[in-house]
Amino acid sequence: MAKTSKKLSKKVAKLEKKAEGLRKQAEKKGKQLTAQAHDTFDAVSKEAKARVGKEPEPTGGGKGKFALLLAVLAGVGVALKRKRDQELDEALWEEPRSV
């Protein structure tokens, strides 16, 4: 019984080692294909833009757009708060409380 389980565990270990090697090969091939696809996409997009007559736009700038959006939202928030405070002040002056 112990002999059989020992043989099975050796076979399983061999298969696991082989599977690990195949996984590494697949990862390497996947990275190569991804890089090739990216390069091909860049080349085709540049060619298409050249045919249309436009310069390829530089990528990036997402952080700047996000910062601008946050600044606009903060400005709107401050403006709304000031307007609310002004309305509350006017309401206090129009309807004084009785003491």
PDB file of N, CA and C in Angstrom:
ATOM      1  N   MET A   1       0.815  -1.192   0.000  1.00  0.00           N
ATOM      2  CA  MET A   1       0.000   0.000   0.000  1.00  0.00           C
ATOM      3  C   MET A   1       0.863   1.262   0.000  1.00  0.00           C
ATOM      4  N   ALA A   2       1.869   1.301   0.849  1.00  0.00           N
ATOM      5  CA  ALA A   2       2.740   2.459   0.935  1.00  0.00           C
ATOM      6  C   ALA A   2       3.575   2.599  -0.331  1.00  0.00           C
ATOM      7  N   LYS A   3       3.918   1.444  -0.925  1.00  0.00           N
ATOM      8  CA  LYS A   3       4.689   1.456  -2.159  1.00  0.00           C
ATOM      9  C   LYS A   3       3.903   2.103  -3.290  1.00  0.00           C
ATOM     10  N   THR A   4       2.615   1.776  -3.360  1.00  0.00           N
ATOM     11  CA  THR A   4       1.755   2.305  -4.414  1.00  0.00           C
ATOM     12  C   THR A   4       1.591   3.822  -4.268  1.00  0.00           C
ATOM     13  N   SER A   5       1.367   4.278  -3.060  1.00  0.00           N
ATOM     14  CA  SER A   5       1.188   5.712  -2.857  1.00  0.00           C
ATOM     15  C   SER A   5       2.492   6.464  -3.125  1.00  0.00           C
ATOM     16  N   LYS A   6       3.642   5.813  -2.831  1.00  0.00           N
ATOM     17  CA  LYS A   6       4.929   6.432  -3.093  1.00  0.00           C
ATOM     18  C   LYS A   6       5.145   6.581  -4.600  1.00  0.00           C
ATOM     19  N   LYS A   7       4.769   5.541  -5.365  1.00  0.00           N
ATOM     20  CA  LYS A   7       4.882   5.596  -6.819  1.00  0.00           C
ATOM     21  C   LYS A   7       3.975   6.677  -7.389  1.00  0.00           C
ATOM     22  N   LEU A   8       2.757   6.728  -6.862  1.00  0.00           N
ATOM     23  CA  LEU A   8       1.808   7.742  -7.325  1.00  0.00           C
ATOM     24  C   LEU A   8       2.303   9.147  -7.016  1.00  0.00           C
ATOM     25  N   SER A   9       2.861   9.343  -5.830  1.00  0.00           N
ATOM     26  CA  SER A   9       3.345  10.680  -5.479  1.00  0.00           C
ATOM     27  C   SER A   9       4.521  11.078  -6.360  1.00  0.00           C
ATOM     28  N   LYS A  10       5.377  10.125  -6.741  1.00  0.00           N
ATOM     29  CA  LYS A  10       6.478  10.427  -7.653  1.00  0.00           C
ATOM     30  C   LYS A  10       5.949  10.814  -9.031  1.00  0.00           C
ATOM     31  N   LYS A  11       4.922  10.081  -9.502  1.00  0.00           N
ATOM     32  CA  LYS A  11       4.328  10.395 -10.801  1.00  0.00           C
ATOM     33  C   LYS A  11       3.675  11.778 -10.776  1.00  0.00           C
ATOM     34  N   VAL A  12       2.981  12.052  -9.678  1.00  0.00           N
ATOM     35  CA  VAL A  12       2.325  13.357  -9.535  1.00  0.00           C
ATOM     36  C   VAL A  12       3.376  14.466  -9.516  1.00  0.00           C
ATOM     37  N   ALA A  13       4.469  14.261  -8.798  1.00  0.00           N
ATOM     38  CA  ALA A  13       5.531  15.261  -8.733  1.00  0.00           C
ATOM     39  C   ALA A  13       6.126  15.508 -10.123  1.00  0.00           C
ATOM     40  N   LYS A  14       6.338  14.423 -10.892  1.00  0.00           N
ATOM     41  CA  LYS A  14       6.863  14.560 -12.248  1.00  0.00           C
ATOM     42  C   LYS A  14       5.903  15.362 -13.123  1.00  0.00           C
ATOM     43  N   LEU A  15       4.617  15.025 -13.023  1.00  0.00           N
ATOM     44  CA  LEU A  15       3.615  15.720 -13.828  1.00  0.00           C
ATOM     45  C   LEU A  15       3.504  17.188 -13.432  1.00  0.00           C
ATOM     46  N   GLU A  16       3.597  17.472 -12.146  1.00  0.00           N
ATOM     47  CA  GLU A  16       3.541  18.858 -11.686  1.00  0.00           C
ATOM     48  C   GLU A  16       4.737  19.649 -12.206  1.00  0.00           C
ATOM     49  N   LYS A  17       5.915  19.009 -12.202  1.00  0.00           N
ATOM     50  CA  LYS A  17       7.115  19.680 -12.700  1.00  0.00           C
ATOM     51  C   LYS A  17       6.974  19.961 -14.196  1.00  0.00           C
ATOM     52  N   LYS A  18       6.451  18.988 -14.926  1.00  0.00           N
ATOM     53  CA  LYS A  18       6.249  19.158 -16.365  1.00  0.00           C
ATOM     54  C   LYS A  18       5.212  20.253 -16.627  1.00  0.00           C
ATOM     55  N   ALA A  19       4.150  20.277 -15.836  1.00  0.00           N
ATOM     56  CA  ALA A  19       3.103  21.285 -15.995  1.00  0.00           C
ATOM     57  C   ALA A  19       3.658  22.676 -15.698  1.00  0.00           C
ATOM     58  N   GLU A  20       4.537  22.793 -14.713  1.00  0.00           N
ATOM     59  CA  GLU A  20       5.145  24.082 -14.384  1.00  0.00           C
ATOM     60  C   GLU A  20       5.997  24.584 -15.548  1.00  0.00           C
ATOM     61  N   GLY A  21       6.746  23.657 -16.156  1.00  0.00           N
ATOM     62  CA  GLY A  21       7.550  24.029 -17.320  1.00  0.00           C
ATOM     63  C   GLY A  21       6.682  24.494 -18.478  1.00  0.00           C
ATOM     64  N   LEU A  22       5.593  23.798 -18.718  1.00  0.00           N
ATOM     65  CA  LEU A  22       4.673  24.189 -19.786  1.00  0.00           C
ATOM     66  C   LEU A  22       4.016  25.535 -19.489  1.00  0.00           C
ATOM     67  N   ARG A  23       3.704  25.774 -18.223  1.00  0.00           N
ATOM     68  CA  ARG A  23       3.099  27.050 -17.844  1.00  0.00           C
ATOM     69  C   ARG A  23       4.062  28.201 -18.109  1.00  0.00           C
ATOM     70  N   LYS A  24       5.343  27.987 -17.770  1.00  0.00           N
ATOM     71  CA  LYS A  24       6.344  29.031 -18.008  1.00  0.00           C
ATOM     72  C   LYS A  24       6.505  29.302 -19.497  1.00  0.00           C
ATOM     73  N   GLN A  25       6.493  28.229 -20.309  1.00  0.00           N
ATOM     74  CA  GLN A  25       6.593  28.397 -21.760  1.00  0.00           C
ATOM     75  C   GLN A  25       5.397  29.179 -22.294  1.00  0.00           C
ATOM     76  N   ALA A  26       4.221  28.847 -21.791  1.00  0.00           N
ATOM     77  CA  ALA A  26       3.007  29.533 -22.241  1.00  0.00           C
ATOM     78  C   ALA A  26       3.038  31.009 -21.849  1.00  0.00           C
ATOM     79  N   GLU A  27       3.505  31.325 -20.645  1.00  0.00           N
ATOM     80  CA  GLU A  27       3.618  32.723 -20.222  1.00  0.00           C
ATOM     81  C   GLU A  27       4.586  33.490 -21.120  1.00  0.00           C
ATOM     82  N   LYS A  28       5.724  32.864 -21.429  1.00  0.00           N
ATOM     83  CA  LYS A  28       6.727  33.510 -22.268  1.00  0.00           C
ATOM     84  C   LYS A  28       6.157  33.776 -23.664  1.00  0.00           C
ATOM     85  N   LYS A  29       5.487  32.772 -24.229  1.00  0.00           N
ATOM     86  CA  LYS A  29       4.901  32.931 -25.555  1.00  0.00           C
ATOM     87  C   LYS A  29       3.795  33.987 -25.527  1.00  0.00           C
ATOM     88  N   GLY A  30       3.008  34.014 -24.459  1.00  0.00           N
ATOM     89  CA  GLY A  30       1.946  35.011 -24.325  1.00  0.00           C
ATOM     90  C   GLY A  30       2.506  36.422 -24.282  1.00  0.00           C
ATOM     91  N   LYS A  31       3.599  36.607 -23.547  1.00  0.00           N
ATOM     92  CA  LYS A  31       4.227  37.929 -23.474  1.00  0.00           C
ATOM     93  C   LYS A  31       4.758  38.357 -24.840  1.00  0.00           C
ATOM     94  N   GLN A  32       5.361  37.411 -25.567  1.00  0.00           N
ATOM     95  CA  GLN A  32       5.877  37.723 -26.902  1.00  0.00           C
ATOM     96  C   GLN A  32       4.742  38.132 -27.835  1.00  0.00           C
ATOM     97  N   LEU A  33       3.659  37.368 -27.808  1.00  0.00           N
ATOM     98  CA  LEU A  33       2.538  37.665 -28.694  1.00  0.00           C
ATOM     99  C   LEU A  33       1.883  38.996 -28.328  1.00  0.00           C
ATOM    100  N   THR A  34       1.802  39.286 -27.045  1.00  0.00           N
ATOM    101  CA  THR A  34       1.234  40.560 -26.613  1.00  0.00           C
ATOM    102  C   THR A  34       2.093  41.714 -27.097  1.00  0.00           C
ATOM    103  N   ALA A  35       3.403  41.581 -26.991  1.00  0.00           N
ATOM    104  CA  ALA A  35       4.309  42.631 -27.454  1.00  0.00           C
ATOM    105  C   ALA A  35       4.185  42.816 -28.968  1.00  0.00           C
ATOM    106  N   GLN A  36       4.085  41.711 -29.699  1.00  0.00           N
ATOM    107  CA  GLN A  36       3.932  41.797 -31.152  1.00  0.00           C
ATOM    108  C   GLN A  36       2.624  42.483 -31.518  1.00  0.00           C
ATOM    109  N   ALA A  37       1.556  42.128 -30.824  1.00  0.00           N
ATOM    110  CA  ALA A  37       0.254  42.734 -31.103  1.00  0.00           C
ATOM    111  C   ALA A  37       0.290  44.233 -30.815  1.00  0.00           C
ATOM    112  N   HIS A  38       0.936  44.613 -29.729  1.00  0.00           N
ATOM    113  CA  HIS A  38       1.041  46.036 -29.374  1.00  0.00           C
ATOM    114  C   HIS A  38       1.821  46.803 -30.444  1.00  0.00           C
ATOM    115  N   ASP A  39       2.943  46.224 -30.872  1.00  0.00           N
ATOM    116  CA  ASP A  39       3.750  46.871 -31.912  1.00  0.00           C
ATOM    117  C   ASP A  39       2.967  46.995 -33.215  1.00  0.00           C
ATOM    118  N   THR A  40       2.252  45.939 -33.578  1.00  0.00           N
ATOM    119  CA  THR A  40       1.460  45.963 -34.807  1.00  0.00           C
ATOM    120  C   THR A  40       0.361  47.003 -34.713  1.00  0.00           C
ATOM    121  N   PHE A  41      -0.289  47.088 -33.577  1.00  0.00           N
ATOM    122  CA  PHE A  41      -1.345  48.082 -33.390  1.00  0.00           C
ATOM    123  C   PHE A  41      -0.794  49.492 -33.530  1.00  0.00           C
ATOM    124  N   ASP A  42       0.366  49.745 -32.898  1.00  0.00           N
ATOM    125  CA  ASP A  42       0.978  51.071 -32.999  1.00  0.00           C
ATOM    126  C   ASP A  42       1.302  51.416 -34.449  1.00  0.00           C
ATOM    127  N   ALA A  43       1.872  50.465 -35.174  1.00  0.00           N
ATOM    128  CA  ALA A  43       2.248  50.718 -36.569  1.00  0.00           C
ATOM    129  C   ALA A  43       1.016  50.989 -37.424  1.00  0.00           C
ATOM    130  N   VAL A  44      -0.021  50.195 -37.240  1.00  0.00           N
ATOM    131  CA  VAL A  44      -1.239  50.360 -38.034  1.00  0.00           C
ATOM    132  C   VAL A  44      -1.931  51.673 -37.690  1.00  0.00           C
ATOM    133  N   SER A  45      -1.955  52.030 -36.417  1.00  0.00           N
ATOM    134  CA  SER A  45      -2.620  53.282 -36.035  1.00  0.00           C
ATOM    135  C   SER A  45      -1.860  54.485 -36.582  1.00  0.00           C
ATOM    136  N   LYS A  46      -0.522  54.453 -36.547  1.00  0.00           N
ATOM    137  CA  LYS A  46       0.262  55.550 -37.118  1.00  0.00           C
ATOM    138  C   LYS A  46       0.032  55.649 -38.618  1.00  0.00           C
ATOM    139  N   GLU A  47      -0.019  54.508 -39.287  1.00  0.00           N
ATOM    140  CA  GLU A  47      -0.253  54.509 -40.726  1.00  0.00           C
ATOM    141  C   GLU A  47      -1.632  55.058 -41.062  1.00  0.00           C
ATOM    142  N   ALA A  48      -2.626  54.666 -40.289  1.00  0.00           N
ATOM    143  CA  ALA A  48      -3.989  55.141 -40.530  1.00  0.00           C
ATOM    144  C   ALA A  48      -4.078  56.652 -40.308  1.00  0.00           C
ATOM    145  N   LYS A  49      -3.441  57.147 -39.271  1.00  0.00           N
ATOM    146  CA  LYS A  49      -3.469  58.588 -38.998  1.00  0.00           C
ATOM    147  C   LYS A  49      -2.711  59.358 -40.070  1.00  0.00           C
ATOM    148  N   ALA A  50      -1.644  58.766 -40.583  1.00  0.00           N
ATOM    149  CA  ALA A  50      -0.883  59.425 -41.649  1.00  0.00           C
ATOM    150  C   ALA A  50      -1.721  59.521 -42.922  1.00  0.00           C
ATOM    151  N   ARG A  51      -2.498  58.480 -43.191  1.00  0.00           N
ATOM    152  CA  ARG A  51      -3.353  58.495 -44.375  1.00  0.00           C
ATOM    153  C   ARG A  51      -4.442  59.548 -44.250  1.00  0.00           C
ATOM    154  N   VAL A  52      -4.929  59.763 -43.041  1.00  0.00           N
ATOM    155  CA  VAL A  52      -5.966  60.757 -42.820  1.00  0.00           C
ATOM    156  C   VAL A  52      -5.353  62.155 -42.803  1.00  0.00           C
ATOM    157  N   GLY A  53      -4.078  62.236 -42.485  1.00  0.00           N
ATOM    158  CA  GLY A  53      -3.389  63.521 -42.487  1.00  0.00           C
ATOM    159  C   GLY A  53      -3.246  64.120 -41.115  1.00  0.00           C
ATOM    160  N   LYS A  54      -3.408  63.321 -40.091  1.00  0.00           N
ATOM    161  CA  LYS A  54      -3.276  63.818 -38.726  1.00  0.00           C
ATOM    162  C   LYS A  54      -2.008  63.266 -38.100  1.00  0.00           C
ATOM    163  N   GLU A  55      -1.446  64.056 -37.219  1.00  0.00           N
ATOM    164  CA  GLU A  55      -0.288  63.608 -36.459  1.00  0.00           C
ATOM    165  C   GLU A  55      -0.775  62.694 -35.331  1.00  0.00           C
ATOM    166  N   PRO A  56      -0.031  61.652 -34.999  1.00  0.00           N
ATOM    167  CA  PRO A  56      -0.435  60.826 -33.854  1.00  0.00           C
ATOM    168  C   PRO A  56      -0.343  61.631 -32.565  1.00  0.00           C
ATOM    169  N   GLU A  57      -1.387  61.566 -31.792  1.00  0.00           N
ATOM    170  CA  GLU A  57      -1.436  62.317 -30.534  1.00  0.00           C
ATOM    171  C   GLU A  57      -0.644  61.575 -29.475  1.00  0.00           C
ATOM    172  N   PRO A  58       0.082  62.313 -28.654  1.00  0.00           N
ATOM    173  CA  PRO A  58       0.830  61.638 -27.593  1.00  0.00           C
ATOM    174  C   PRO A  58      -0.141  61.059 -26.572  1.00  0.00           C
ATOM    175  N   THR A  59       0.182  59.880 -26.089  1.00  0.00           N
ATOM    176  CA  THR A  59      -0.677  59.240 -25.099  1.00  0.00           C
ATOM    177  C   THR A  59      -0.326  59.772 -23.719  1.00  0.00           C
ATOM    178  N   GLY A  60      -1.179  59.494 -22.767  1.00  0.00           N
ATOM    179  CA  GLY A  60      -0.958  59.957 -21.398  1.00  0.00           C
ATOM    180  C   GLY A  60      -1.776  61.203 -21.130  1.00  0.00           C
ATOM    181  N   GLY A  61      -1.494  61.875 -20.056  1.00  0.00           N
ATOM    182  CA  GLY A  61      -2.205  63.091 -19.708  1.00  0.00           C
ATOM    183  C   GLY A  61      -3.495  62.790 -18.960  1.00  0.00           C
ATOM    184  N   GLY A  62      -3.735  61.567 -18.620  1.00  0.00           N
ATOM    185  CA  GLY A  62      -4.936  61.211 -17.881  1.00  0.00           C
ATOM    186  C   GLY A  62      -4.926  61.799 -16.477  1.00  0.00           C
ATOM    187  N   LYS A  63      -3.736  61.886 -15.901  1.00  0.00           N
ATOM    188  CA  LYS A  63      -3.623  62.446 -14.549  1.00  0.00           C
ATOM    189  C   LYS A  63      -3.978  63.925 -14.553  1.00  0.00           C
ATOM    190  N   GLY A  64      -3.544  64.632 -15.589  1.00  0.00           N
ATOM    191  CA  GLY A  64      -3.836  66.064 -15.688  1.00  0.00           C
ATOM    192  C   GLY A  64      -5.321  66.317 -15.839  1.00  0.00           C
ATOM    193  N   LYS A  65      -5.975  65.489 -16.658  1.00  0.00           N
ATOM    194  CA  LYS A  65      -7.419  65.640 -16.842  1.00  0.00           C
ATOM    195  C   LYS A  65      -8.156  65.361 -15.542  1.00  0.00           C
ATOM    196  N   PHE A  66      -7.702  64.345 -14.812  1.00  0.00           N
ATOM    197  CA  PHE A  66      -8.333  63.998 -13.544  1.00  0.00           C
ATOM    198  C   PHE A  66      -8.148  65.123 -12.528  1.00  0.00           C
ATOM    199  N   ALA A  67      -6.960  65.698 -12.481  1.00  0.00           N
ATOM    200  CA  ALA A  67      -6.697  66.808 -11.550  1.00  0.00           C
ATOM    201  C   ALA A  67      -7.556  68.017 -11.900  1.00  0.00           C
ATOM    202  N   LEU A  68      -7.708  68.293 -13.193  1.00  0.00           N
ATOM    203  CA  LEU A  68      -8.548  69.404 -13.626  1.00  0.00           C
ATOM    204  C   LEU A  68     -10.000  69.169 -13.224  1.00  0.00           C
ATOM    205  N   LEU A  69     -10.473  67.941 -13.395  1.00  0.00           N
ATOM    206  CA  LEU A  69     -11.844  67.609 -13.001  1.00  0.00           C
ATOM    207  C   LEU A  69     -12.039  67.811 -11.501  1.00  0.00           C
ATOM    208  N   LEU A  70     -11.063  67.369 -10.705  1.00  0.00           N
ATOM    209  CA  LEU A  70     -11.165  67.562  -9.254  1.00  0.00           C
ATOM    210  C   LEU A  70     -11.178  69.042  -8.894  1.00  0.00           C
ATOM    211  N   ALA A  71     -10.353  69.834  -9.574  1.00  0.00           N
ATOM    212  CA  ALA A  71     -10.315  71.269  -9.291  1.00  0.00           C
ATOM    213  C   ALA A  71     -11.647  71.931  -9.625  1.00  0.00           C
ATOM    214  N   VAL A  72     -12.240  71.539 -10.741  1.00  0.00           N
ATOM    215  CA  VAL A  72     -13.541  72.099 -11.135  1.00  0.00           C
ATOM    216  C   VAL A  72     -14.606  71.711 -10.119  1.00  0.00           C
ATOM    217  N   LEU A  73     -14.609  70.440  -9.712  1.00  0.00           N
ATOM    218  CA  LEU A  73     -15.596  70.001  -8.723  1.00  0.00           C
ATOM    219  C   LEU A  73     -15.418  70.727  -7.392  1.00  0.00           C
ATOM    220  N   ALA A  74     -14.181  70.954  -6.980  1.00  0.00           N
ATOM    221  CA  ALA A  74     -13.925  71.687  -5.734  1.00  0.00           C
ATOM    222  C   ALA A  74     -14.420  73.122  -5.853  1.00  0.00           C
ATOM    223  N   GLY A  75     -14.181  73.754  -7.008  1.00  0.00           N
ATOM    224  CA  GLY A  75     -14.655  75.125  -7.223  1.00  0.00           C
ATOM    225  C   GLY A  75     -16.161  75.214  -7.173  1.00  0.00           C
ATOM    226  N   VAL A  76     -16.831  74.251  -7.800  1.00  0.00           N
ATOM    227  CA  VAL A  76     -18.300  74.236  -7.786  1.00  0.00           C
ATOM    228  C   VAL A  76     -18.793  74.042  -6.355  1.00  0.00           C
ATOM    229  N   GLY A  77     -18.136  73.151  -5.610  1.00  0.00           N
ATOM    230  CA  GLY A  77     -18.527  72.915  -4.220  1.00  0.00           C
ATOM    231  C   GLY A  77     -18.398  74.163  -3.367  1.00  0.00           C
ATOM    232  N   VAL A  78     -17.287  74.893  -3.533  1.00  0.00           N
ATOM    233  CA  VAL A  78     -17.072  76.125  -2.762  1.00  0.00           C
ATOM    234  C   VAL A  78     -18.118  77.169  -3.145  1.00  0.00           C
ATOM    235  N   ALA A  79     -18.414  77.294  -4.449  1.00  0.00           N
ATOM    236  CA  ALA A  79     -19.404  78.288  -4.896  1.00  0.00           C
ATOM    237  C   ALA A  79     -20.788  77.964  -4.328  1.00  0.00           C
ATOM    238  N   LEU A  80     -21.167  76.699  -4.343  1.00  0.00           N
ATOM    239  CA  LEU A  80     -22.476  76.315  -3.803  1.00  0.00           C
ATOM    240  C   LEU A  80     -22.546  76.566  -2.295  1.00  0.00           C
ATOM    241  N   LYS A  81     -21.435  76.311  -1.581  1.00  0.00           N
ATOM    242  CA  LYS A  81     -21.424  76.544  -0.136  1.00  0.00           C
ATOM    243  C   LYS A  81     -21.574  78.036   0.166  1.00  0.00           C
ATOM    244  N   ARG A  82     -20.867  78.876  -0.577  1.00  0.00           N
ATOM    245  CA  ARG A  82     -20.978  80.327  -0.357  1.00  0.00           C
ATOM    246  C   ARG A  82     -22.390  80.815  -0.627  1.00  0.00           C
ATOM    247  N   LYS A  83     -22.983  80.297  -1.697  1.00  0.00           N
ATOM    248  CA  LYS A  83     -24.357  80.713  -2.027  1.00  0.00           C
ATOM    249  C   LYS A  83     -25.309  80.290  -0.908  1.00  0.00           C
ATOM    250  N   ARG A  84     -25.142  79.091  -0.399  1.00  0.00           N
ATOM    251  CA  ARG A  84     -26.004  78.604   0.685  1.00  0.00           C
ATOM    252  C   ARG A  84     -25.829  79.463   1.937  1.00  0.00           C
ATOM    253  N   ASP A  85     -24.577  79.782   2.276  1.00  0.00           N
ATOM    254  CA  ASP A  85     -24.313  80.626   3.444  1.00  0.00           C
ATOM    255  C   ASP A  85     -24.953  82.009   3.279  1.00  0.00           C
ATOM    256  N   GLN A  86     -24.856  82.557   2.072  1.00  0.00           N
ATOM    257  CA  GLN A  86     -25.448  83.869   1.810  1.00  0.00           C
ATOM    258  C   GLN A  86     -26.964  83.807   1.963  1.00  0.00           C
ATOM    259  N   GLU A  87     -27.589  82.766   1.450  1.00  0.00           N
ATOM    260  CA  GLU A  87     -29.039  82.625   1.574  1.00  0.00           C
ATOM    261  C   GLU A  87     -29.457  82.476   3.027  1.00  0.00           C
ATOM    262  N   LEU A  88     -28.673  81.750   3.812  1.00  0.00           N
ATOM    263  CA  LEU A  88     -28.992  81.598   5.233  1.00  0.00           C
ATOM    264  C   LEU A  88     -28.858  82.936   5.958  1.00  0.00           C
ATOM    265  N   ASP A  89     -27.825  83.721   5.630  1.00  0.00           N
ATOM    266  CA  ASP A  89     -27.655  85.034   6.244  1.00  0.00           C
ATOM    267  C   ASP A  89     -28.823  85.950   5.904  1.00  0.00           C
ATOM    268  N   GLU A  90     -29.244  85.935   4.642  1.00  0.00           N
ATOM    269  CA  GLU A  90     -30.374  86.769   4.232  1.00  0.00           C
ATOM    270  C   GLU A  90     -31.652  86.347   4.936  1.00  0.00           C
ATOM    271  N   ALA A  91     -31.835  85.047   5.113  1.00  0.00           N
ATOM    272  CA  ALA A  91     -33.030  84.564   5.795  1.00  0.00           C
ATOM    273  C   ALA A  91     -33.042  85.004   7.251  1.00  0.00           C
ATOM    274  N   LEU A  92     -31.877  85.045   7.893  1.00  0.00           N
ATOM    275  CA  LEU A  92     -31.804  85.496   9.285  1.00  0.00           C
ATOM    276  C   LEU A  92     -32.132  86.981   9.400  1.00  0.00           C
ATOM    277  N   TRP A  93     -31.708  87.788   8.454  1.00  0.00           N
ATOM    278  CA  TRP A  93     -31.978  89.211   8.492  1.00  0.00           C
ATOM    279  C   TRP A  93     -33.434  89.511   8.196  1.00  0.00           C
ATOM    280  N   GLU A  94     -34.038  88.699   7.343  1.00  0.00           N
ATOM    281  CA  GLU A  94     -35.452  88.970   6.988  1.00  0.00           C
ATOM    282  C   GLU A  94     -36.401  88.550   8.088  1.00  0.00           C
ATOM    283  N   GLU A  95     -36.111  87.453   8.780  1.00  0.00           N
ATOM    284  CA  GLU A  95     -37.020  86.957   9.795  1.00  0.00           C
ATOM    285  C   GLU A  95     -36.284  86.861  11.131  1.00  0.00           C
ATOM    286  N   PRO A  96     -36.186  87.973  11.837  1.00  0.00           N
ATOM    287  CA  PRO A  96     -35.491  87.913  13.119  1.00  0.00           C
ATOM    288  C   PRO A  96     -36.287  87.095  14.141  1.00  0.00           C
ATOM    289  N   ARG A  97     -35.609  86.454  15.016  1.00  0.00           N
ATOM    290  CA  ARG A  97     -36.271  85.652  16.054  1.00  0.00           C
ATOM    291  C   ARG A  97     -36.748  86.576  17.159  1.00  0.00           C
ATOM    292  N   SER A  98     -37.841  86.159  17.758  1.00  0.00           N
ATOM    293  CA  SER A  98     -38.298  86.917  18.920  1.00  0.00           C
ATOM    294  C   SER A  98     -37.564  86.392  20.145  1.00  0.00           C
ATOM    295  N   VAL A  99     -37.111  87.333  20.980  1.00  0.00           N
ATOM    296  CA  VAL A  99     -36.329  86.939  22.148  1.00  0.00           C
ATOM    297  C   VAL A  99     -37.166  86.700  23.324  1.00  0.00           C
TER     298      VAL A  99
END
